[in-house]
Each structure stands twice: as C-alpha cells, then as structure tokens.
Amino acid sequence: MKTAMECIPCFVRQATEAVDMATDDSRHKERLLKRLLQEIANADWRGTPVLIARQIQRLVRQETGQTDPYRGLKDQMNRIALDLLPQLTEQAR
C-alpha cells in the first residue's frame, strides 16, 4: 500500500503524541516536532505508511533517549485493565 494524502494527518498526530510523551522540555518538543514535520514532508510517499511511521518513532527515540515513549501510557492502561479484571472474571462466571 502506498502512502496516501489521508495518511499525513495521522503521521502528524503520531509525531505530536510521541514527542509529548517522550519529553517535558517544551523547547526540545518544539525543535523535535519541527524536525519530524520536515521528515514527513520529505519522506518518500511512494512507500508504505509503516515506513514513515517507523522513521518518526526512531527519531523520537534517538532525540529523546526514550526507548519507549509510550511506556507510561501502556503502564496506565495495564493498571486499569488489572483493576477491572476481578469484576470481569466475576461477570464471566
């Protein structure tokens, strides 16, 4: 599948979310997001969307030193799921 114009807003959203989760430094966020926007604009859109998304994530990790910018969100969602588990187990019986 080739990257379509409709993919671009999703790349921008993904870049913004990843930067926001990876650092609290507002100046660093701005610099990194501007770089990511340039990367998106200069990407080969004949390739698949996953290639561009992978480059976005790779740059965020490299520039922030965060191996997993989504770790905090994943941990939060796992805690919510674990909190719901007893109730769901009871309902399944």
C-alpha atoms as a PDB file:
ATOM      1  CA  MET A   1       0.000   0.000   0.000  1.00  0.00           C
ATOM      2  CA  LYS A   2       1.299   3.416  -0.958  1.00  0.00           C
ATOM      3  CA  THR A   3       1.160   6.340   1.453  1.00  0.00           C
ATOM      4  CA  ALA A   4      -1.913   8.428   0.677  1.00  0.00           C
ATOM      5  CA  MET A   5      -2.549  12.089   1.400  1.00  0.00           C
ATOM      6  CA  GLU A   6      -5.010  10.968   4.078  1.00  0.00           C
ATOM      7  CA  CYS A   7      -2.109   9.361   5.983  1.00  0.00           C
ATOM      8  CA  ILE A   8      -0.348  12.667   6.614  1.00  0.00           C
ATOM      9  CA  PRO A   9      -2.594  13.976   9.434  1.00  0.00           C
ATOM     10  CA  CYS A  10      -2.131  10.658  11.226  1.00  0.00           C
ATOM     11  CA  PHE A  11       1.661  10.946  10.941  1.00  0.00           C
ATOM     12  CA  VAL A  12       1.480  14.454  12.392  1.00  0.00           C
ATOM     13  CA  ARG A  13      -0.752  13.269  15.246  1.00  0.00           C
ATOM     14  CA  GLN A  14       1.542  10.332  15.922  1.00  0.00           C
ATOM     15  CA  ALA A  15       4.614  12.570  15.934  1.00  0.00           C
ATOM     16  CA  THR A  16       2.955  15.088  18.253  1.00  0.00           C
ATOM     17  CA  GLU A  17       1.810  12.415  20.701  1.00  0.00           C
ATOM     18  CA  ALA A  18       5.173  10.645  20.748  1.00  0.00           C
ATOM     19  CA  VAL A  19       7.083  13.890  21.332  1.00  0.00           C
ATOM     20  CA  ASP A  20       4.661  14.906  24.066  1.00  0.00           C
ATOM     21  CA  MET A  21       5.104  11.572  25.857  1.00  0.00           C
ATOM     22  CA  ALA A  22       8.870  11.452  25.392  1.00  0.00           C
ATOM     23  CA  THR A  23       9.908  14.763  26.931  1.00  0.00           C
ATOM     24  CA  ASP A  24       8.654  17.506  29.212  1.00  0.00           C
ATOM     25  CA  ASP A  25      11.049  20.115  27.818  1.00  0.00           C
ATOM     26  CA  SER A  26       8.893  22.463  25.724  1.00  0.00           C
ATOM     27  CA  ARG A  27      11.832  23.804  23.713  1.00  0.00           C
ATOM     28  CA  HIS A  28      13.004  20.290  22.908  1.00  0.00           C
ATOM     29  CA  LYS A  29       9.445  19.328  21.943  1.00  0.00           C
ATOM     30  CA  GLU A  30       9.205  22.222  19.527  1.00  0.00           C
ATOM     31  CA  ARG A  31      12.570  21.513  17.881  1.00  0.00           C
ATOM     32  CA  LEU A  32      11.863  17.812  17.574  1.00  0.00           C
ATOM     33  CA  LEU A  33       8.352  18.262  16.225  1.00  0.00           C
ATOM     34  CA  LYS A  34       9.619  20.706  13.589  1.00  0.00           C
ATOM     35  CA  ARG A  35      12.246  18.154  12.561  1.00  0.00           C
ATOM     36  CA  LEU A  36       9.627  15.403  12.388  1.00  0.00           C
ATOM     37  CA  LEU A  37       7.358  17.575  10.253  1.00  0.00           C
ATOM     38  CA  GLN A  38      10.263  18.076   7.848  1.00  0.00           C
ATOM     39  CA  GLU A  39      10.894  14.318   7.814  1.00  0.00           C
ATOM     40  CA  ILE A  40       7.236  13.678   6.991  1.00  0.00           C
ATOM     41  CA  ALA A  41       7.265  16.287   4.231  1.00  0.00           C
ATOM     42  CA  ASN A  42      10.470  14.897   2.731  1.00  0.00           C
ATOM     43  CA  ALA A  43       9.564  11.215   3.067  1.00  0.00           C
ATOM     44  CA  ASP A  44       9.087   9.041   0.002  1.00  0.00           C
ATOM     45  CA  TRP A  45       5.313   8.808  -0.096  1.00  0.00           C
ATOM     46  CA  ARG A  46       5.541   6.026  -2.675  1.00  0.00           C
ATOM     47  CA  GLY A  47       6.470   3.719   0.200  1.00  0.00           C
ATOM     48  CA  THR A  48       4.160   2.233   2.779  1.00  0.00           C
ATOM     49  CA  PRO A  49       2.838   4.270   5.707  1.00  0.00           C
ATOM     50  CA  VAL A  50       4.571   1.942   8.162  1.00  0.00           C
ATOM     51  CA  LEU A  51       7.985   3.019   6.837  1.00  0.00           C
ATOM     52  CA  ILE A  52       7.258   6.667   7.583  1.00  0.00           C
ATOM     53  CA  ALA A  53       5.746   5.837  10.984  1.00  0.00           C
ATOM     54  CA  ARG A  54       8.810   3.766  11.842  1.00  0.00           C
ATOM     55  CA  GLN A  55      11.093   6.675  10.962  1.00  0.00           C
ATOM     56  CA  ILE A  56       9.029   9.007  13.165  1.00  0.00           C
ATOM     57  CA  GLN A  57       9.304   6.647  16.126  1.00  0.00           C
ATOM     58  CA  ARG A  58      13.017   6.027  15.527  1.00  0.00           C
ATOM     59  CA  LEU A  59      13.785   9.764  15.511  1.00  0.00           C
ATOM     60  CA  VAL A  60      11.775  10.356  18.678  1.00  0.00           C
ATOM     61  CA  ARG A  61      13.712   7.600  20.459  1.00  0.00           C
ATOM     62  CA  GLN A  62      17.064   8.862  19.178  1.00  0.00           C
ATOM     63  CA  GLU A  63      16.437  12.503  20.020  1.00  0.00           C
ATOM     64  CA  THR A  64      14.956  11.956  23.478  1.00  0.00           C
ATOM     65  CA  GLY A  65      16.788   8.873  24.684  1.00  0.00           C
ATOM     66  CA  GLN A  66      13.419   7.292  25.498  1.00  0.00           C
ATOM     67  CA  THR A  67      13.410   3.675  24.373  1.00  0.00           C
ATOM     68  CA  ASP A  68       9.609   3.582  24.645  1.00  0.00           C
ATOM     69  CA  PRO A  69       7.819   6.952  24.754  1.00  0.00           C
ATOM     70  CA  TYR A  70       4.531   5.088  25.224  1.00  0.00           C
ATOM     71  CA  ARG A  71       5.686   3.190  28.361  1.00  0.00           C
ATOM     72  CA  GLY A  72       3.783   5.438  30.766  1.00  0.00           C
ATOM     73  CA  LEU A  73       0.560   5.133  28.793  1.00  0.00           C
ATOM     74  CA  LYS A  74       0.970   1.357  28.479  1.00  0.00           C
ATOM     75  CA  ASP A  75       1.532   1.032  32.224  1.00  0.00           C
ATOM     76  CA  GLN A  76      -1.541   3.161  32.949  1.00  0.00           C
ATOM     77  CA  MET A  77      -3.742   1.098  30.617  1.00  0.00           C
ATOM     78  CA  ASN A  78      -2.422  -2.151  32.126  1.00  0.00           C
ATOM     79  CA  ARG A  79      -3.278  -0.916  35.646  1.00  0.00           C
ATOM     80  CA  ILE A  80      -6.802  -0.043  34.521  1.00  0.00           C
ATOM     81  CA  ALA A  81      -7.216  -3.486  32.926  1.00  0.00           C
ATOM     82  CA  LEU A  82      -5.906  -5.225  36.048  1.00  0.00           C
ATOM     83  CA  ASP A  83      -8.283  -3.200  38.225  1.00  0.00           C
ATOM     84  CA  LEU A  84     -11.181  -4.350  36.031  1.00  0.00           C
ATOM     85  CA  LEU A  85     -10.100  -7.972  35.963  1.00  0.00           C
ATOM     86  CA  PRO A  86     -11.819  -9.156  39.195  1.00  0.00           C
ATOM     87  CA  GLN A  87     -15.123  -7.643  38.126  1.00  0.00           C
ATOM     88  CA  LEU A  88     -14.885  -9.106  34.627  1.00  0.00           C
ATOM     89  CA  THR A  89     -13.904 -12.516  35.982  1.00  0.00           C
ATOM     90  CA  GLU A  90     -16.932 -12.450  38.262  1.00  0.00           C
ATOM     91  CA  GLN A  91     -19.246 -11.463  35.391  1.00  0.00           C
ATOM     92  CA  ALA A  92     -17.879 -14.316  33.258  1.00  0.00           C
ATOM     93  CA  ARG A  93     -18.929 -16.900  35.853  1.00  0.00           C
END
